[in-house]
Amino acid sequence: MSVRLNRKSVVFIPNPRRTITRFYFTDEEKALQVIRKVLQLSPDEAYFELQQVLRNFSMRHRQIAKVFEANFQNIQRLFKKLKFEPDSLSEDVRLLIGSYFTHEYSVEAAAYFNPSIVAHPDQHGLLKGEKRIIVSFRATGEGHISSIVFREGIIDADNNLHFNKPGNLDEMPECIKRTVYNKKSFTKKLDEMDIHKDIVDLVLDKLKSKFTYGELQASISGTLKDVTLTPTKRKVIEEINWVADSHYEMTFSLNTALSERVIFPISYSERNGIEDARFVRFTDDDGAVTYYATYTAYNGYTILPKLIATKDFYYFKISPLNGKYAQNKDMALFPRKINGKYAMVGRYDGVNNYIMFSDKVNLWKEAQLLQEPSFPWEFIQIGNSGSPVETPEGWLLITHGVGPMRTYSLGAVLLDLDHPEKVIGHLKYPLMMPNEKEREGYVPNVIYSCGSIVHNHELIISYAMSDYASSFVSVPLQELLEELKNNHNKT
């Protein structure tokens, strides 16, 4: 028996008009040449050129002059080589120079995919049977760099989805703040990543038990001045910096709409992308709600699983996920503690689904096998497709499986409510496979999800189509649960 699917008509496709501003710097000598040329302009010429830039871009970006000033500050150190005092420059010249070190980046020009879906923090002012939602997406632009973007909408009483028109001015965070590190826990994370202790000590022995990001940078800089360091040791020191750079906080302006907030790669650990955020509305034992998201940071050659925490989608705290079993992709947090512990599903070995329990949300030291690939459509590997959803019958976990021709399909398992390490039901056949309209894209024959939500007796799954676009499908919840229970222990 197959479960009925209702594919929704709402489809999100990439929009190349969604742009942010980024600092642009290639190499020092080119930068010095540009600065020299601008300094040769007369005051009238500098004013004229700046006005041209402002006219072309002030309608595309909020407070573009503020961006130019910030990027001027980023290259101010170069004026020492020119033997020129930057404070003597007029505002017009400073902003014009800053504009040469700024460029637009289209965050979703290539793809808009791998969505997750959660209930909005604000559920006021709705009609009966409605729910306000937030959907996150993995947006990908030039160079295949991925970021996190959001859309806000409402599911109505008939489970139709309606989304707000997005704002026009996408923005990066207004404020970024680094953290204070504990030497003991920082050293442990380095050990988990097999970063050599003898080299770690070269850097950390100079620091106190707690240290700031700036103090660590100073110690790293001092260590690198040792001319006897081998290329290998220098590479290891870079990895120490990589881990430190992965802790930060960000705040968006209250002037931004949710759809305008872009979490773009900031740290070295994620410079090639923020991948597959799985958001979940987590309710603690005292009733406090925090929105967590696990994601994969990618720096071009290795990955680092990380965790986002927010309560309002304005302020976000980012940190690495630590522990032996937090070393791969596909981690998804349960929406509440179970038997007093945080719970997570993941795929640390790249093939099987595991379940983990921990006293801390960012430390995962133990795991047990939950599910192995059992059916032809998942023989290559399986994984989760977002956080488990709580139902009266058990924890409903949407999965994905990879089969022939590397086709990605969605499946489902049912886990015991009190002991989710026990599988009490599963689907023998895929819940959903890519149809003819969904199989064409950047990566053909793939459907993939990072989250689902229950509303009005249906499971609504957000999903991506061939790593290009995104849509939604609803499934009668009780029908799915009955099918899962009917297949318990059947092969």
Protein backbone atom coordinates (compact mmCIF):
# COMPACT_ATOMS: atom_id res chain seq x y z
CA MET A 1 0.00 0.00 0.00
CA SER A 2 1.30 3.49 -0.85
CA VAL A 3 0.56 6.65 1.12
CA ARG A 4 -1.30 9.48 -0.60
CA LEU A 5 0.81 12.53 -1.48
CA ASN A 6 -0.45 16.01 -2.27
CA ARG A 7 2.27 17.99 -4.00
CA LYS A 8 1.71 21.71 -3.46
CA SER A 9 1.73 24.25 -6.26
CA VAL A 10 4.12 26.59 -4.40
CA VAL A 11 7.60 26.40 -5.94
CA PHE A 12 10.62 28.49 -5.01
CA ILE A 13 13.21 28.93 -7.76
CA PRO A 14 16.52 30.82 -7.69
CA ASN A 15 16.25 34.58 -8.14
CA PRO A 16 19.49 36.22 -9.32
CA ARG A 17 18.18 39.64 -8.26
CA ARG A 18 18.70 38.77 -4.57
CA THR A 19 22.08 40.37 -3.86
CA ILE A 20 24.21 41.32 -0.87
CA THR A 21 27.35 43.45 -0.70
CA ARG A 22 30.69 41.87 0.11
CA PHE A 23 34.18 43.15 0.77
CA TYR A 24 36.29 42.69 -2.38
CA PHE A 25 40.06 42.31 -2.18
CA THR A 26 42.35 40.42 -4.54
CA ASP A 27 45.95 41.34 -3.72
CA GLU A 28 47.77 44.18 -2.06
CA GLU A 29 49.60 45.59 -5.07
CA LYS A 30 46.41 45.91 -7.12
CA ALA A 31 44.69 47.55 -4.17
CA LEU A 32 47.50 50.11 -3.83
CA GLN A 33 47.26 50.93 -7.54
CA VAL A 34 43.52 51.61 -7.23
CA ILE A 35 43.99 53.83 -4.17
CA ARG A 36 46.73 55.86 -5.91
CA LYS A 37 44.46 56.47 -8.90
CA VAL A 38 41.56 57.66 -6.76
CA LEU A 39 43.83 60.00 -4.80
CA GLN A 40 44.84 61.64 -8.07
CA LEU A 41 41.24 62.74 -8.77
CA SER A 42 40.26 66.33 -8.08
CA PRO A 43 37.60 66.96 -5.40
CA ASP A 44 35.01 67.61 -8.10
CA GLU A 45 35.91 64.43 -9.98
CA ALA A 46 35.72 62.35 -6.79
CA TYR A 47 32.32 63.87 -5.93
CA PHE A 48 30.99 63.18 -9.46
CA GLU A 49 32.18 59.53 -9.48
CA LEU A 50 30.75 58.87 -6.02
CA GLN A 51 27.37 60.28 -6.98
CA GLN A 52 27.28 57.97 -9.99
CA VAL A 53 27.91 54.95 -7.74
CA LEU A 54 25.33 56.04 -5.16
CA ARG A 55 22.72 56.63 -7.86
CA ASN A 56 23.28 53.14 -9.28
CA PHE A 57 23.31 51.20 -5.99
CA SER A 58 21.51 53.09 -3.21
CA MET A 59 18.15 51.63 -4.30
CA ARG A 60 19.61 48.11 -4.30
CA HIS A 61 21.16 48.13 -0.82
CA ARG A 62 20.13 49.72 2.45
CA GLN A 63 22.69 52.30 3.71
CA ILE A 64 25.18 51.63 0.92
CA ALA A 65 27.36 54.57 2.06
CA LYS A 66 27.79 52.81 5.42
CA VAL A 67 29.02 49.72 3.54
CA PHE A 68 31.56 51.80 1.59
CA GLU A 69 32.85 53.37 4.81
CA ALA A 70 33.25 49.94 6.45
CA ASN A 71 35.17 48.59 3.45
CA PHE A 72 37.36 51.68 3.42
CA GLN A 73 38.23 50.87 7.03
CA ASN A 74 39.11 47.32 5.95
CA ILE A 75 41.92 48.59 3.71
CA GLN A 76 43.02 51.60 5.79
CA ARG A 77 46.20 49.80 6.83
CA LEU A 78 47.47 50.12 3.23
CA PHE A 79 47.86 53.89 3.59
CA LYS A 80 50.98 53.34 5.70
CA LYS A 81 52.70 51.96 2.61
CA LEU A 82 51.60 55.03 0.68
CA LYS A 83 52.90 57.26 3.48
CA PHE A 84 49.54 58.99 3.49
CA GLU A 85 47.30 59.90 6.42
CA PRO A 86 43.79 58.49 5.73
CA ASP A 87 42.15 60.80 8.30
CA SER A 88 42.96 63.73 6.05
CA LEU A 89 40.70 62.42 3.26
CA SER A 90 37.30 63.92 2.58
CA GLU A 91 34.19 61.80 3.07
CA ASP A 92 33.66 61.68 -0.71
CA VAL A 93 37.11 60.20 -1.30
CA ARG A 94 36.81 57.69 1.55
CA LEU A 95 33.46 56.42 0.29
CA LEU A 96 34.65 56.30 -3.30
CA ILE A 97 37.71 54.26 -2.31
CA GLY A 98 35.44 51.96 -0.28
CA SER A 99 33.23 51.39 -3.32
CA TYR A 100 36.21 49.96 -5.23
CA PHE A 101 36.54 47.31 -2.52
CA THR A 102 32.87 46.35 -2.59
CA HIS A 103 30.97 44.05 -4.91
CA GLU A 104 27.53 42.53 -5.23
CA TYR A 105 26.99 38.83 -4.72
CA SER A 106 23.84 37.10 -5.95
CA VAL A 107 23.18 34.69 -3.08
CA GLU A 108 20.69 32.44 -4.88
CA ALA A 109 21.66 32.76 -8.55
CA ALA A 110 22.42 29.03 -8.91
CA ALA A 111 20.08 27.19 -6.54
CA TYR A 112 17.41 27.57 -3.85
CA PHE A 113 17.04 24.23 -2.16
CA ASN A 114 17.17 21.91 0.90
CA PRO A 115 14.48 23.69 2.96
CA SER A 116 13.47 23.21 6.57
CA ILE A 117 10.21 24.42 8.15
CA VAL A 118 9.29 25.49 11.71
CA ALA A 119 6.46 27.29 13.48
CA HIS A 120 7.08 31.05 13.69
CA PRO A 121 7.75 32.53 17.17
CA ASP A 122 4.77 34.87 16.64
CA GLN A 123 1.40 33.11 16.25
CA HIS A 124 -0.78 36.15 17.00
CA GLY A 125 -3.50 37.52 14.71
CA LEU A 126 -4.26 34.28 12.85
CA LEU A 127 -7.60 32.82 11.82
CA LYS A 128 -8.78 29.50 13.20
CA GLY A 129 -6.81 26.61 11.73
CA GLU A 130 -3.90 28.78 10.56
CA LYS A 131 -0.22 28.56 11.50
CA ARG A 132 2.52 31.07 10.76
CA ILE A 133 5.75 29.42 9.59
CA ILE A 134 9.37 30.14 8.81
CA VAL A 135 11.07 28.23 6.01
CA SER A 136 14.85 28.28 5.67
CA PHE A 137 16.62 27.51 2.41
CA ARG A 138 20.13 26.77 1.26
CA ALA A 139 20.79 29.50 -1.31
CA THR A 140 23.74 29.02 -3.64
CA GLY A 141 25.44 31.57 -5.87
CA GLU A 142 28.64 32.10 -7.84
CA GLY A 143 31.39 29.65 -6.93
CA HIS A 144 28.81 27.32 -5.37
CA ILE A 145 28.99 29.22 -2.07
CA SER A 146 25.93 28.45 0.06
CA SER A 147 24.19 30.62 2.64
CA ILE A 148 20.99 30.45 4.70
CA VAL A 149 17.98 32.56 3.75
CA PHE A 150 14.41 32.65 5.04
CA ARG A 151 10.81 33.10 3.93
CA GLU A 152 7.78 33.75 6.12
CA GLY A 153 4.30 32.41 5.41
CA ILE A 154 1.04 30.94 6.69
CA ILE A 155 -0.49 27.48 6.39
CA ASP A 156 -4.25 27.98 6.20
CA ALA A 157 -7.07 25.79 7.55
CA ASP A 158 -7.00 23.70 4.36
CA ASN A 159 -3.21 23.28 4.57
CA ASN A 160 -2.53 25.54 1.62
CA LEU A 161 0.66 27.58 1.92
CA HIS A 162 0.76 31.34 1.44
CA PHE A 163 4.05 33.26 1.61
CA ASN A 164 4.71 36.94 2.22
CA LYS A 165 6.24 38.89 -0.60
CA PRO A 166 9.96 39.09 0.21
CA GLY A 167 11.67 42.37 0.98
CA ASN A 168 13.85 43.96 -1.68
CA LEU A 169 17.07 44.63 0.24
CA ASP A 170 18.94 41.53 1.39
CA GLU A 171 21.45 42.19 4.14
CA MET A 172 24.33 40.69 6.06
CA PRO A 173 24.32 40.94 9.89
CA GLU A 174 24.69 44.38 11.42
CA CYS A 175 27.02 43.16 14.16
CA ILE A 176 29.38 40.19 14.49
CA LYS A 177 30.91 39.31 17.83
CA ARG A 178 33.58 36.73 18.61
CA THR A 179 33.52 34.57 21.70
CA VAL A 180 35.72 33.91 24.75
CA TYR A 181 37.32 30.45 24.72
CA ASN A 182 37.92 27.93 27.47
CA LYS A 183 41.37 26.39 26.93
CA LYS A 184 40.38 22.94 28.21
CA SER A 185 37.33 22.52 25.94
CA PHE A 186 39.11 24.17 23.01
CA THR A 187 42.03 21.73 23.34
CA LYS A 188 39.60 18.81 23.49
CA LYS A 189 37.98 19.86 20.21
CA LEU A 190 41.39 20.04 18.56
CA ASP A 191 42.17 16.55 19.87
CA GLU A 192 38.91 15.20 18.41
CA MET A 193 39.99 16.56 15.05
CA ASP A 194 43.40 14.83 15.38
CA ILE A 195 45.30 18.12 15.42
CA HIS A 196 48.77 17.39 16.79
CA LYS A 197 49.12 18.22 20.50
CA ASP A 198 52.76 19.26 20.35
CA ILE A 199 51.93 21.99 17.85
CA VAL A 200 48.77 22.97 19.73
CA ASP A 201 50.91 23.56 22.83
CA LEU A 202 53.16 25.94 20.87
CA VAL A 203 50.17 28.24 20.50
CA LEU A 204 48.03 27.62 23.58
CA ASP A 205 50.81 27.53 26.21
CA LYS A 206 51.09 31.31 25.81
CA LEU A 207 47.43 31.81 26.74
CA LYS A 208 45.48 31.83 30.00
CA SER A 209 42.75 29.31 30.88
CA LYS A 210 40.26 31.64 29.15
CA PHE A 211 41.22 33.73 26.15
CA THR A 212 39.67 35.94 23.49
CA TYR A 213 39.75 35.54 19.73
CA GLY A 214 42.17 38.49 19.50
CA GLU A 215 44.54 36.97 22.07
CA LEU A 216 44.57 33.70 20.15
CA GLN A 217 45.32 35.56 16.91
CA ALA A 218 48.24 37.33 18.59
CA SER A 219 49.62 34.00 19.85
CA ILE A 220 49.25 32.40 16.41
CA SER A 221 50.93 35.38 14.76
CA GLY A 222 53.82 35.20 17.21
CA THR A 223 54.23 31.45 16.71
CA LEU A 224 54.30 31.79 12.93
CA LYS A 225 57.28 34.15 13.17
CA ASP A 226 59.41 31.13 14.11
CA VAL A 227 61.42 30.57 10.93
CA THR A 228 62.16 26.94 11.92
CA LEU A 229 58.51 25.89 11.58
CA THR A 230 58.00 23.29 8.85
CA PRO A 231 55.22 23.73 6.23
CA THR A 232 53.33 20.89 7.93
CA LYS A 233 53.39 22.63 11.30
CA ARG A 234 52.27 25.89 9.71
CA LYS A 235 49.32 24.01 8.18
CA VAL A 236 48.36 22.63 11.59
CA ILE A 237 48.42 26.13 13.07
CA GLU A 238 46.03 27.22 10.33
CA GLU A 239 43.67 24.46 11.48
CA ILE A 240 43.79 25.81 15.04
CA ASN A 241 42.73 29.17 13.67
CA TRP A 242 39.97 27.45 11.68
CA VAL A 243 38.40 25.99 14.83
CA ALA A 244 38.63 29.30 16.71
CA ASP A 245 37.06 31.16 13.82
CA SER A 246 33.98 28.92 13.94
CA HIS A 247 32.57 30.50 17.15
CA TYR A 248 30.70 33.77 16.65
CA GLU A 249 27.47 35.67 17.20
CA MET A 250 25.55 37.82 14.76
CA THR A 251 22.76 40.37 15.02
CA PHE A 252 20.52 41.66 12.25
CA SER A 253 19.04 45.13 12.22
CA LEU A 254 15.44 45.49 13.39
CA ASN A 255 14.86 47.30 10.09
CA THR A 256 15.21 44.08 8.12
CA ALA A 257 12.37 41.79 7.14
CA LEU A 258 12.96 38.10 7.83
CA SER A 259 13.28 37.46 4.09
CA GLU A 260 16.09 40.04 3.89
CA ARG A 261 18.37 38.39 6.47
CA VAL A 262 21.19 36.38 4.91
CA ILE A 263 23.47 34.15 6.99
CA PHE A 264 26.43 34.16 4.65
CA PRO A 265 29.74 32.36 5.36
CA ILE A 266 31.73 34.52 7.76
CA SER A 267 34.36 32.28 9.31
CA TYR A 268 37.24 30.48 7.59
CA SER A 269 35.68 27.12 8.47
CA GLU A 270 32.70 27.83 6.20
CA ARG A 271 34.20 30.01 3.48
CA ASN A 272 32.97 27.60 0.77
CA GLY A 273 29.49 27.28 2.17
CA ILE A 274 26.90 26.83 4.90
CA GLU A 275 25.12 23.64 3.92
CA ASP A 276 21.75 22.03 4.75
CA ALA A 277 20.56 23.79 7.91
CA ARG A 278 18.00 21.68 9.78
CA PHE A 279 16.00 24.05 11.98
CA VAL A 280 13.92 22.75 14.88
CA ARG A 281 11.74 24.49 17.45
CA PHE A 282 13.18 23.13 20.69
CA THR A 283 11.17 23.32 23.93
CA ASP A 284 13.19 22.94 27.13
CA ASP A 285 11.95 21.35 30.35
CA ASP A 286 10.95 24.76 31.73
CA GLY A 287 8.94 25.61 28.61
CA ALA A 288 11.53 28.00 27.15
CA VAL A 289 11.76 27.83 23.36
CA THR A 290 14.99 28.02 21.37
CA TYR A 291 15.32 27.49 17.63
CA TYR A 292 18.34 25.33 16.87
CA ALA A 293 19.77 24.41 13.52
CA THR A 294 22.52 21.96 12.72
CA TYR A 295 24.47 22.61 9.53
CA THR A 296 27.66 21.65 7.75
CA ALA A 297 30.43 24.22 7.39
CA TYR A 298 32.67 23.61 4.37
CA ASN A 299 35.96 25.38 3.75
CA GLY A 300 36.81 23.79 0.41
CA TYR A 301 38.57 20.67 1.63
CA THR A 302 36.98 19.56 4.90
CA ILE A 303 33.72 19.89 6.82
CA LEU A 304 32.80 20.93 10.35
CA PRO A 305 29.32 20.26 11.82
CA LYS A 306 28.01 23.38 13.55
CA LEU A 307 25.04 24.59 15.57
CA ILE A 308 22.95 27.75 15.31
CA ALA A 309 20.84 28.97 18.22
CA THR A 310 18.26 31.78 18.08
CA LYS A 311 15.09 32.80 19.86
CA ASP A 312 13.89 35.56 17.55
CA PHE A 313 15.70 35.15 14.19
CA TYR A 314 17.43 38.51 14.76
CA TYR A 315 20.22 37.33 17.06
CA PHE A 316 22.08 34.10 16.21
CA LYS A 317 24.84 32.29 18.10
CA ILE A 318 27.04 29.89 16.12
CA SER A 319 29.38 27.25 17.54
CA PRO A 320 30.91 23.91 16.49
CA LEU A 321 29.35 20.59 17.43
CA ASN A 322 31.86 18.68 19.53
CA GLY A 323 32.45 15.01 20.28
CA LYS A 324 33.56 11.87 18.47
CA TYR A 325 30.17 11.39 16.82
CA ALA A 326 29.77 14.97 15.62
CA GLN A 327 32.23 14.60 12.77
CA ASN A 328 30.03 14.15 9.68
CA LYS A 329 27.01 15.54 7.88
CA ASP A 330 23.32 14.87 8.51
CA MET A 331 22.75 15.71 12.16
CA ALA A 332 19.24 16.64 13.37
CA LEU A 333 18.14 17.48 16.90
CA PHE A 334 14.97 16.18 18.54
CA PRO A 335 12.54 19.01 19.49
CA ARG A 336 12.76 18.28 23.23
CA LYS A 337 14.83 16.33 25.76
CA ILE A 338 14.10 12.64 26.21
CA ASN A 339 14.60 11.12 29.66
CA GLY A 340 16.45 14.27 30.69
CA LYS A 341 18.90 14.27 27.78
CA TYR A 342 19.24 16.00 24.43
CA ALA A 343 18.77 13.58 21.54
CA MET A 344 20.15 13.71 18.01
CA VAL A 345 20.04 11.57 14.89
CA GLY A 346 23.07 11.57 12.64
CA ARG A 347 25.18 9.64 10.16
CA TYR A 348 28.73 9.88 11.43
CA ASP A 349 29.97 6.96 9.29
CA GLY A 350 28.42 8.31 6.07
CA VAL A 351 26.17 5.25 5.54
CA ASN A 352 23.90 4.44 8.50
CA ASN A 353 21.56 6.36 10.80
CA TYR A 354 22.64 6.64 14.45
CA ILE A 355 20.97 8.04 17.55
CA MET A 356 22.85 9.97 20.21
CA PHE A 357 22.04 11.26 23.69
CA SER A 358 23.88 13.97 25.61
CA ASP A 359 23.71 16.24 28.64
CA LYS A 360 24.93 19.11 26.47
CA VAL A 361 23.44 20.28 23.18
CA ASN A 362 26.84 20.75 21.53
CA LEU A 363 28.72 17.67 22.82
CA TRP A 364 28.09 14.21 21.33
CA LYS A 365 30.40 11.50 22.64
CA GLU A 366 28.23 8.37 22.36
CA ALA A 367 26.09 6.87 19.61
CA GLN A 368 24.25 3.68 18.79
CA LEU A 369 23.14 2.27 15.48
CA LEU A 370 19.54 3.12 14.67
CA GLN A 371 19.02 2.08 11.06
CA GLU A 372 21.02 0.46 8.25
CA PRO A 373 20.21 0.55 4.52
CA SER A 374 17.78 -2.35 4.13
CA PHE A 375 15.96 -1.88 0.82
CA PRO A 376 17.19 -1.46 -2.77
CA TRP A 377 16.22 2.23 -2.95
CA GLU A 378 18.59 3.00 -0.05
CA PHE A 379 21.42 0.47 -0.48
CA ILE A 380 24.12 3.14 -0.98
CA GLN A 381 23.36 5.19 2.14
CA ILE A 382 20.60 6.57 4.31
CA GLY A 383 20.22 9.70 6.38
CA ASN A 384 17.67 11.88 8.09
CA SER A 385 15.60 14.52 6.33
CA GLY A 386 15.20 16.83 9.28
CA SER A 387 14.37 16.61 12.96
CA PRO A 388 11.98 13.89 14.19
CA VAL A 389 8.36 15.01 14.56
CA GLU A 390 6.50 14.03 17.73
CA THR A 391 3.18 12.22 17.25
CA PRO A 392 0.98 10.24 19.71
CA GLU A 393 2.19 7.03 18.04
CA GLY A 394 5.90 7.79 18.25
CA TRP A 395 8.67 9.93 16.79
CA LEU A 396 8.16 10.25 13.03
CA LEU A 397 11.53 10.49 11.28
CA ILE A 398 11.56 11.30 7.58
CA THR A 399 14.64 9.77 5.99
CA HIS A 400 16.36 9.82 2.64
CA GLY A 401 17.91 6.90 0.84
CA VAL A 402 20.31 6.71 -2.10
CA GLY A 403 19.78 3.94 -4.62
CA PRO A 404 20.48 3.03 -8.28
CA MET A 405 21.76 5.91 -10.43
CA ARG A 406 22.26 7.79 -7.15
CA THR A 407 18.56 8.53 -7.03
CA TYR A 408 17.57 10.17 -3.73
CA SER A 409 14.15 9.19 -2.33
CA LEU A 410 12.34 10.03 0.89
CA GLY A 411 11.38 7.31 3.37
CA ALA A 412 10.08 7.21 6.94
CA VAL A 413 10.58 5.34 10.20
CA LEU A 414 8.69 5.46 13.48
CA LEU A 415 10.61 5.54 16.77
CA ASP A 416 9.37 4.74 20.26
CA LEU A 417 8.38 7.92 22.15
CA ASP A 418 10.19 7.09 25.38
CA HIS A 419 12.99 5.01 23.88
CA PRO A 420 13.65 6.44 20.39
CA GLU A 421 16.58 4.09 19.91
CA LYS A 422 13.86 1.52 19.14
CA VAL A 423 12.43 1.47 15.61
CA ILE A 424 8.75 0.49 15.88
CA GLY A 425 7.77 0.99 12.26
CA HIS A 426 9.23 1.67 8.84
CA LEU A 427 8.29 1.96 5.18
CA LYS A 428 9.41 -0.82 2.89
CA TYR A 429 9.04 1.39 -0.18
CA PRO A 430 9.89 5.09 -0.63
CA LEU A 431 7.39 7.58 0.64
CA MET A 432 8.31 9.84 -2.25
CA MET A 433 10.54 9.66 -5.34
CA PRO A 434 11.40 12.43 -7.82
CA ASN A 435 8.79 12.65 -10.58
CA GLU A 436 9.45 13.81 -14.13
CA LYS A 437 9.17 17.49 -13.18
CA GLU A 438 11.46 17.13 -10.18
CA ARG A 439 14.28 15.02 -11.56
CA GLU A 440 15.89 17.71 -13.77
CA GLY A 441 18.24 20.18 -12.13
CA TYR A 442 21.75 20.88 -10.90
CA VAL A 443 21.95 17.32 -9.50
CA PRO A 444 19.39 15.14 -11.34
CA ASN A 445 17.15 12.52 -9.71
CA VAL A 446 17.28 13.97 -6.21
CA ILE A 447 14.61 14.99 -3.75
CA TYR A 448 15.85 16.05 -0.36
CA SER A 449 14.34 17.58 2.76
CA CYS A 450 15.70 19.26 5.88
CA GLY A 451 12.45 19.44 7.82
CA SER A 452 8.70 18.80 8.20
CA ILE A 453 5.83 20.09 10.30
CA VAL A 454 2.44 18.69 11.40
CA HIS A 455 -0.64 20.85 10.87
CA ASN A 456 -4.35 20.02 10.69
CA HIS A 457 -3.76 16.23 10.74
CA GLU A 458 -1.25 16.30 7.90
CA LEU A 459 2.51 16.10 7.69
CA ILE A 460 3.82 18.91 5.50
CA ILE A 461 7.28 18.19 4.12
CA SER A 462 9.46 20.92 2.66
CA TYR A 463 11.69 19.45 -0.02
CA ALA A 464 14.20 20.30 -2.72
CA MET A 465 14.08 19.21 -6.35
CA SER A 466 17.41 18.13 -7.84
CA ASP A 467 19.46 20.65 -5.85
CA TYR A 468 17.84 23.53 -7.74
CA ALA A 469 14.37 24.55 -6.51
CA SER A 470 12.05 23.83 -3.58
CA SER A 471 8.44 22.93 -2.92
CA PHE A 472 6.13 21.22 -0.41
CA VAL A 473 4.07 18.06 -0.14
CA SER A 474 1.42 17.07 2.40
CA VAL A 475 0.73 13.55 3.64
CA PRO A 476 -2.27 12.38 5.73
CA LEU A 477 -0.59 11.84 9.09
CA GLN A 478 -2.71 8.97 10.41
CA GLU A 479 -2.49 7.16 7.09
CA LEU A 480 1.30 7.37 7.19
CA LEU A 481 1.46 6.23 10.82
CA GLU A 482 -0.75 3.21 10.12
CA GLU A 483 1.42 2.22 7.18
CA LEU A 484 4.54 2.53 9.33
CA LYS A 485 3.10 0.36 12.09
CA ASN A 486 1.88 -2.23 9.59
CA ASN A 487 5.46 -2.65 8.35
CA HIS A 488 7.06 -3.15 11.75
CA ASN A 489 9.66 -5.95 11.49
CA LYS A 490 8.54 -6.83 7.95
CA THR A 491 11.11 -7.21 5.21
